[in-house]
PDB file of all heavy atoms in Angstrom:
ATOM      1  N   ILE A   1       8.188 -58.048  77.445  1.00  0.00           N
ATOM      2  CA  ILE A   1       6.768 -58.262  77.737  1.00  0.00           C
ATOM      3  C   ILE A   1       5.911 -57.772  76.589  1.00  0.00           C
ATOM      4  O   ILE A   1       4.991 -58.453  76.140  1.00  0.00           O
ATOM      5  CB  ILE A   1       6.368 -57.540  79.046  1.00  0.00           C
ATOM      6  CG1 ILE A   1       7.174 -58.095  80.219  1.00  0.00           C
ATOM      7  CG2 ILE A   1       4.885 -57.667  79.308  1.00  0.00           C
ATOM      8  CD1 ILE A   1       7.023 -57.310  81.497  1.00  0.00           C
ATOM      9  N   ASP A   2       6.205 -56.579  76.100  1.00  0.00           N
ATOM     10  CA  ASP A   2       5.429 -55.991  75.003  1.00  0.00           C
ATOM     11  C   ASP A   2       6.369 -55.162  74.154  1.00  0.00           C
ATOM     12  O   ASP A   2       7.399 -54.675  74.633  1.00  0.00           O
ATOM     13  CB  ASP A   2       4.299 -55.130  75.552  1.00  0.00           C
ATOM     14  CG  ASP A   2       3.184 -54.931  74.546  1.00  0.00           C
ATOM     15  OD1 ASP A   2       3.282 -55.492  73.422  1.00  0.00           O
ATOM     16  OD2 ASP A   2       2.217 -54.213  74.860  1.00  0.00           O
ATOM     17  N   GLN A   3       5.984 -54.983  72.875  1.00  0.00           N
ATOM     18  CA  GLN A   3       6.852 -54.272  71.941  1.00  0.00           C
ATOM     19  C   GLN A   3       6.020 -53.594  70.873  1.00  0.00           C
ATOM     20  O   GLN A   3       5.050 -54.155  70.394  1.00  0.00           O
ATOM     21  CB  GLN A   3       7.806 -55.295  71.312  1.00  0.00           C
ATOM     22  CG  GLN A   3       8.546 -54.840  70.112  1.00  0.00           C
ATOM     23  CD  GLN A   3       9.536 -55.885  69.635  1.00  0.00           C
ATOM     24  OE1 GLN A   3      10.236 -56.482  70.415  1.00  0.00           O
ATOM     25  NE2 GLN A   3       9.574 -56.092  68.336  1.00  0.00           N
ATOM     26  N   LEU A   4       6.399 -52.369  70.517  1.00  0.00           N
ATOM     27  CA  LEU A   4       5.765 -51.615  69.422  1.00  0.00           C
ATOM     28  C   LEU A   4       6.842 -51.095  68.493  1.00  0.00           C
ATOM     29  O   LEU A   4       7.746 -50.434  68.966  1.00  0.00           O
ATOM     30  CB  LEU A   4       4.960 -50.426  69.965  1.00  0.00           C
ATOM     31  CG  LEU A   4       3.726 -50.750  70.785  1.00  0.00           C
ATOM     32  CD1 LEU A   4       3.151 -49.486  71.376  1.00  0.00           C
ATOM     33  CD2 LEU A   4       2.697 -51.458  69.952  1.00  0.00           C
ATOM     34  N   PRO A   5       6.801 -51.331  67.212  1.00  0.00           N
ATOM     35  CA  PRO A   5       5.947 -52.245  66.461  1.00  0.00           C
ATOM     36  C   PRO A   5       6.267 -53.702  66.790  1.00  0.00           C
ATOM     37  O   PRO A   5       7.342 -54.011  67.275  1.00  0.00           O
ATOM     38  CB  PRO A   5       6.261 -51.931  65.001  1.00  0.00           C
ATOM     39  CG  PRO A   5       7.560 -51.236  64.992  1.00  0.00           C
ATOM     40  CD  PRO A   5       7.739 -50.622  66.326  1.00  0.00           C
ATOM     41  N   SER A   6       5.329 -54.571  66.495  1.00  0.00           N
ATOM     42  CA  SER A   6       5.459 -55.983  66.841  1.00  0.00           C
ATOM     43  C   SER A   6       6.559 -56.650  66.015  1.00  0.00           C
ATOM     44  O   SER A   6       7.026 -56.112  65.015  1.00  0.00           O
ATOM     45  CB  SER A   6       4.131 -56.704  66.589  1.00  0.00           C
ATOM     46  OG  SER A   6       3.855 -56.727  65.204  1.00  0.00           O
ATOM     47  N   GLU A   7       6.974 -57.833  66.454  1.00  0.00           N
ATOM     48  CA  GLU A   7       7.998 -58.578  65.713  1.00  0.00           C
ATOM     49  C   GLU A   7       7.529 -58.917  64.310  1.00  0.00           C
ATOM     50  O   GLU A   7       8.313 -58.912  63.365  1.00  0.00           O
ATOM     51  CB  GLU A   7       8.354 -59.863  66.465  1.00  0.00           C
ATOM     52  CG  GLU A   7       9.236 -59.644  67.662  1.00  0.00           C
ATOM     53  CD  GLU A   7       9.740 -60.952  68.234  1.00  0.00           C
ATOM     54  OE1 GLU A   7      10.211 -61.807  67.460  1.00  0.00           O
ATOM     55  OE2 GLU A   7       9.657 -61.106  69.452  1.00  0.00           O
ATOM     56  N   THR A   8       6.257 -59.207  64.170  1.00  0.00           N
ATOM     57  CA  THR A   8       5.703 -59.521  62.854  1.00  0.00           C
ATOM     58  C   THR A   8       5.818 -58.326  61.923  1.00  0.00           C
ATOM     59  O   THR A   8       6.210 -58.474  60.759  1.00  0.00           O
ATOM     60  CB  THR A   8       4.224 -59.945  62.986  1.00  0.00           C
ATOM     61  OG1 THR A   8       4.134 -61.013  63.912  1.00  0.00           O
ATOM     62  CG2 THR A   8       3.651 -60.360  61.647  1.00  0.00           C
ATOM     63  N   ALA A   9       5.483 -57.132  62.427  1.00  0.00           N
ATOM     64  CA  ALA A   9       5.587 -55.926  61.604  1.00  0.00           C
ATOM     65  C   ALA A   9       7.036 -55.674  61.207  1.00  0.00           C
ATOM     66  O   ALA A   9       7.323 -55.303  60.060  1.00  0.00           O
ATOM     67  CB  ALA A   9       5.024 -54.730  62.356  1.00  0.00           C
ATOM     68  N   LEU A  10       7.976 -55.887  62.135  1.00  0.00           N
ATOM     69  CA  LEU A  10       9.392 -55.701  61.814  1.00  0.00           C
ATOM     70  C   LEU A  10       9.870 -56.702  60.767  1.00  0.00           C
ATOM     71  O   LEU A  10      10.617 -56.350  59.846  1.00  0.00           O
ATOM     72  CB  LEU A  10      10.231 -55.816  63.082  1.00  0.00           C
ATOM     73  CG  LEU A  10      10.059 -54.690  64.097  1.00  0.00           C
ATOM     74  CD1 LEU A  10      10.822 -55.007  65.368  1.00  0.00           C
ATOM     75  CD2 LEU A  10      10.499 -53.363  63.523  1.00  0.00           C
ATOM     76  N   ARG A  11       9.438 -57.966  60.883  1.00  0.00           N
ATOM     77  CA  ARG A  11       9.809 -58.978  59.884  1.00  0.00           C
ATOM     78  C   ARG A  11       9.260 -58.615  58.517  1.00  0.00           C
ATOM     79  O   ARG A  11       9.948 -58.760  57.501  1.00  0.00           O
ATOM     80  CB  ARG A  11       9.287 -60.351  60.299  1.00  0.00           C
ATOM     81  CG  ARG A  11      10.302 -61.169  61.051  1.00  0.00           C
ATOM     82  CD  ARG A  11       9.848 -62.579  61.301  1.00  0.00           C
ATOM     83  NE  ARG A  11       9.203 -62.583  62.614  1.00  0.00           N
ATOM     84  CZ  ARG A  11       8.000 -63.038  62.866  1.00  0.00           C
ATOM     85  NH1 ARG A  11       7.289 -63.591  61.939  1.00  0.00           N
ATOM     86  NH2 ARG A  11       7.496 -62.974  64.074  1.00  0.00           N
ATOM     87  N   ASN A  12       8.005 -58.132  58.478  1.00  0.00           N
ATOM     88  CA  ASN A  12       7.412 -57.734  57.197  1.00  0.00           C
ATOM     89  C   ASN A  12       8.172 -56.571  56.578  1.00  0.00           C
ATOM     90  O   ASN A  12       8.384 -56.542  55.365  1.00  0.00           O
ATOM     91  CB  ASN A  12       5.942 -57.372  57.390  1.00  0.00           C
ATOM     92  CG  ASN A  12       5.081 -58.583  57.660  1.00  0.00           C
ATOM     93  OD1 ASN A  12       5.476 -59.715  57.371  1.00  0.00           O
ATOM     94  ND2 ASN A  12       3.911 -58.368  58.237  1.00  0.00           N
ATOM     95  N   ARG A  13       8.574 -55.598  57.407  1.00  0.00           N
ATOM     96  CA  ARG A  13       9.348 -54.465  56.882  1.00  0.00           C
ATOM     97  C   ARG A  13      10.697 -54.914  56.338  1.00  0.00           C
ATOM     98  O   ARG A  13      11.144 -54.463  55.287  1.00  0.00           O
ATOM     99  CB  ARG A  13       9.556 -53.425  57.979  1.00  0.00           C
ATOM    100  CG  ARG A  13       8.324 -52.642  58.309  1.00  0.00           C
ATOM    101  CD  ARG A  13       8.617 -51.617  59.377  1.00  0.00           C
ATOM    102  NE  ARG A  13       7.389 -51.005  59.853  1.00  0.00           N
ATOM    103  CZ  ARG A  13       7.321 -50.156  60.853  1.00  0.00           C
ATOM    104  NH1 ARG A  13       8.422 -49.808  61.504  1.00  0.00           N
ATOM    105  NH2 ARG A  13       6.176 -49.645  61.213  1.00  0.00           N
ATOM    106  N   ALA A  14      11.367 -55.810  57.063  1.00  0.00           N
ATOM    107  CA  ALA A  14      12.661 -56.316  56.612  1.00  0.00           C
ATOM    108  C   ALA A  14      12.506 -57.089  55.305  1.00  0.00           C
ATOM    109  O   ALA A  14      13.308 -56.929  54.375  1.00  0.00           O
ATOM    110  CB  ALA A  14      13.290 -57.198  57.684  1.00  0.00           C
ATOM    111  N   TYR A  15      11.482 -57.911  55.215  1.00  0.00           N
ATOM    112  CA  TYR A  15      11.218 -58.676  53.986  1.00  0.00           C
ATOM    113  C   TYR A  15      10.931 -57.747  52.823  1.00  0.00           C
ATOM    114  O   TYR A  15      11.461 -57.925  51.727  1.00  0.00           O
ATOM    115  CB  TYR A  15      10.038 -59.625  54.219  1.00  0.00           C
ATOM    116  CG  TYR A  15       9.601 -60.372  52.984  1.00  0.00           C
ATOM    117  CD1 TYR A  15      10.341 -61.433  52.493  1.00  0.00           C
ATOM    118  CD2 TYR A  15       8.443 -60.009  52.298  1.00  0.00           C
ATOM    119  CE1 TYR A  15       9.955 -62.125  51.364  1.00  0.00           C
ATOM    120  CE2 TYR A  15       8.043 -60.686  51.168  1.00  0.00           C
ATOM    121  CZ  TYR A  15       8.798 -61.747  50.696  1.00  0.00           C
ATOM    122  OH  TYR A  15       8.418 -62.413  49.576  1.00  0.00           O
ATOM    123  N   ASP A  16      10.120 -56.732  53.064  1.00  0.00           N
ATOM    124  CA  ASP A  16       9.759 -55.795  52.006  1.00  0.00           C
ATOM    125  C   ASP A  16      10.975 -55.006  51.523  1.00  0.00           C
ATOM    126  O   ASP A  16      11.162 -54.820  50.326  1.00  0.00           O
ATOM    127  CB  ASP A  16       8.669 -54.842  52.503  1.00  0.00           C
ATOM    128  CG  ASP A  16       8.078 -54.023  51.386  1.00  0.00           C
ATOM    129  OD1 ASP A  16       7.820 -54.593  50.299  1.00  0.00           O
ATOM    130  OD2 ASP A  16       7.875 -52.811  51.583  1.00  0.00           O
ATOM    131  N   SER A  17      11.802 -54.549  52.454  1.00  0.00           N
ATOM    132  CA  SER A  17      12.979 -53.784  52.038  1.00  0.00           C
ATOM    133  C   SER A  17      13.973 -54.684  51.312  1.00  0.00           C
ATOM    134  O   SER A  17      14.613 -54.264  50.355  1.00  0.00           O
ATOM    135  CB  SER A  17      13.632 -53.095  53.231  1.00  0.00           C
ATOM    136  OG  SER A  17      14.137 -54.050  54.132  1.00  0.00           O
ATOM    137  N   ALA A  18      14.118 -55.951  51.730  1.00  0.00           N
ATOM    138  CA  ALA A  18      15.007 -56.884  51.038  1.00  0.00           C
ATOM    139  C   ALA A  18      14.486 -57.179  49.637  1.00  0.00           C
ATOM    140  O   ALA A  18      15.264 -57.268  48.684  1.00  0.00           O
ATOM    141  CB  ALA A  18      15.139 -58.176  51.833  1.00  0.00           C
ATOM    142  N   ARG A  19      13.189 -57.325  49.506  1.00  0.00           N
ATOM    143  CA  ARG A  19      12.597 -57.550  48.180  1.00  0.00           C
ATOM    144  C   ARG A  19      12.811 -56.364  47.268  1.00  0.00           C
ATOM    145  O   ARG A  19      13.072 -56.511  46.084  1.00  0.00           O
ATOM    146  CB  ARG A  19      11.100 -57.818  48.325  1.00  0.00           C
ATOM    147  CG  ARG A  19      10.704 -59.183  47.896  1.00  0.00           C
ATOM    148  CD  ARG A  19       9.232 -59.400  47.961  1.00  0.00           C
ATOM    149  NE  ARG A  19       8.523 -58.437  47.137  1.00  0.00           N
ATOM    150  CZ  ARG A  19       7.241 -58.210  47.190  1.00  0.00           C
ATOM    151  NH1 ARG A  19       6.508 -58.865  48.038  1.00  0.00           N
ATOM    152  NH2 ARG A  19       6.669 -57.340  46.413  1.00  0.00           N
ATOM    153  N   GLY A  20      12.686 -55.151  47.843  1.00  0.00           N
ATOM    154  CA  GLY A  20      12.858 -53.942  47.039  1.00  0.00           C
ATOM    155  C   GLY A  20      14.277 -53.776  46.541  1.00  0.00           C
ATOM    156  O   GLY A  20      14.510 -53.426  45.392  1.00  0.00           O
ATOM    157  N   THR A  21      15.278 -54.057  47.382  1.00  0.00           N
ATOM    158  CA  THR A  21      16.670 -53.931  46.953  1.00  0.00           C
ATOM    159  C   THR A  21      17.049 -55.038  45.989  1.00  0.00           C
ATOM    160  O   THR A  21      17.793 -54.822  45.051  1.00  0.00           O
ATOM    161  CB  THR A  21      17.631 -53.948  48.163  1.00  0.00           C
ATOM    162  OG1 THR A  21      17.419 -55.133  48.903  1.00  0.00           O
ATOM    163  CG2 THR A  21      17.432 -52.745  49.042  1.00  0.00           C
ATOM    164  N   GLN A  22      16.524 -56.244  46.189  1.00  0.00           N
ATOM    165  CA  GLN A  22      16.814 -57.345  45.272  1.00  0.00           C
ATOM    166  C   GLN A  22      16.197 -57.063  43.908  1.00  0.00           C
ATOM    167  O   GLN A  22      16.802 -57.313  42.891  1.00  0.00           O
ATOM    168  CB  GLN A  22      16.280 -58.665  45.826  1.00  0.00           C
ATOM    169  CG  GLN A  22      16.585 -59.853  44.929  1.00  0.00           C
ATOM    170  CD  GLN A  22      15.949 -61.136  45.431  1.00  0.00           C
ATOM    171  OE1 GLN A  22      15.082 -61.111  46.290  1.00  0.00           O
ATOM    172  NE2 GLN A  22      16.358 -62.251  44.889  1.00  0.00           N
ATOM    173  N   GLY A  23      14.974 -56.513  43.892  1.00  0.00           N
ATOM    174  CA  GLY A  23      14.324 -56.179  42.628  1.00  0.00           C
ATOM    175  C   GLY A  23      15.075 -55.102  41.879  1.00  0.00           C
ATOM    176  O   GLY A  23      15.185 -55.127  40.664  1.00  0.00           O
ATOM    177  N   ALA A  24      15.647 -54.145  42.599  1.00  0.00           N
ATOM    178  CA  ALA A  24      16.406 -53.081  41.952  1.00  0.00           C
ATOM    179  C   ALA A  24      17.696 -53.627  41.356  1.00  0.00           C
ATOM    180  O   ALA A  24      18.149 -53.178  40.310  1.00  0.00           O
ATOM    181  CB  ALA A  24      16.707 -51.977  42.949  1.00  0.00           C
ATOM    182  N   GLN A  25      18.300 -54.624  41.994  1.00  0.00           N
ATOM    183  CA  GLN A  25      19.537 -55.195  41.485  1.00  0.00           C
ATOM    184  C   GLN A  25      19.284 -56.028  40.244  1.00  0.00           C
ATOM    185  O   GLN A  25      20.042 -55.978  39.289  1.00  0.00           O
ATOM    186  CB  GLN A  25      20.194 -56.071  42.552  1.00  0.00           C
ATOM    187  CG  GLN A  25      20.736 -55.281  43.729  1.00  0.00           C
ATOM    188  CD  GLN A  25      21.202 -56.200  44.855  1.00  0.00           C
ATOM    189  OE1 GLN A  25      21.048 -57.406  44.774  1.00  0.00           O
ATOM    190  NE2 GLN A  25      21.750 -55.602  45.900  1.00  0.00           N
ATOM    191  N   THR A  26      18.207 -56.794  40.204  1.00  0.00           N
ATOM    192  CA  THR A  26      17.955 -57.662  39.069  1.00  0.00           C
ATOM    193  C   THR A  26      17.437 -56.895  37.870  1.00  0.00           C
ATOM    194  O   THR A  26      17.747 -57.246  36.750  1.00  0.00           O
ATOM    195  CB  THR A  26      16.958 -58.783  39.430  1.00  0.00           C
ATOM    196  OG1 THR A  26      15.747 -58.188  39.883  1.00  0.00           O
ATOM    197  CG2 THR A  26      17.527 -59.686  40.500  1.00  0.00           C
ATOM    198  N   THR A  27      16.671 -55.841  38.064  1.00  0.00           N
ATOM    199  CA  THR A  27      16.138 -55.108  36.916  1.00  0.00           C
ATOM    200  C   THR A  27      17.214 -54.290  36.232  1.00  0.00           C
ATOM    201  O   THR A  27      17.111 -53.980  35.058  1.00  0.00           O
ATOM    202  CB  THR A  27      14.981 -54.172  37.328  1.00  0.00           C
ATOM    203  OG1 THR A  27      15.448 -53.300  38.343  1.00  0.00           O
ATOM    204  CG2 THR A  27      13.788 -54.960  37.797  1.00  0.00           C
ATOM    205  N   GLY A  28      18.277 -53.947  36.925  1.00  0.00           N
ATOM    206  CA  GLY A  28      19.342 -53.156  36.318  1.00  0.00           C
ATOM    207  C   GLY A  28      20.166 -53.970  35.348  1.00  0.00           C
ATOM    208  O   GLY A  28      20.783 -53.440  34.420  1.00  0.00           O
ATOM    209  N   SER A  29      20.213 -55.293  35.490  1.00  0.00           N
ATOM    210  CA  SER A  29      21.059 -56.120  34.632  1.00  0.00           C
ATOM    211  C   SER A  29      20.293 -56.740  33.464  1.00  0.00           C
ATOM    212  O   SER A  29      20.884 -57.463  32.676  1.00  0.00           O
ATOM    213  CB  SER A  29      21.709 -57.223  35.483  1.00  0.00           C
ATOM    214  OG  SER A  29      20.707 -58.077  36.000  1.00  0.00           O
ATOM    215  N   LEU A  30      19.016 -56.481  33.356  1.00  0.00           N
ATOM    216  CA  LEU A  30      18.231 -57.054  32.264  1.00  0.00           C
ATOM    217  C   LEU A  30      18.489 -56.304  30.968  1.00  0.00           C
ATOM    218  O   LEU A  30      18.626 -55.086  30.947  1.00  0.00           O
ATOM    219  CB  LEU A  30      16.749 -56.993  32.583  1.00  0.00           C
ATOM    220  CG  LEU A  30      16.244 -57.928  33.680  1.00  0.00           C
ATOM    221  CD1 LEU A  30      14.759 -57.712  33.907  1.00  0.00           C
ATOM    222  CD2 LEU A  30      16.497 -59.371  33.317  1.00  0.00           C
ATOM    223  N   SER A  31      18.520 -57.025  29.885  1.00  0.00           N
ATOM    224  CA  SER A  31      18.651 -56.416  28.566  1.00  0.00           C
ATOM    225  C   SER A  31      17.257 -56.235  27.993  1.00  0.00           C
ATOM    226  O   SER A  31      16.472 -57.178  27.951  1.00  0.00           O
ATOM    227  CB  SER A  31      19.491 -57.309  27.656  1.00  0.00           C
ATOM    228  OG  SER A  31      19.509 -56.765  26.372  1.00  0.00           O
TER     229      SER A  31
END
């Protein structure tokens, strides 16, 4: 019926954490 934090907030957190880990992986391999 109701949820805290909302599904949108959870999706944004998941997206942000995935972006952060992907950015850390790509910047480590750059020359």
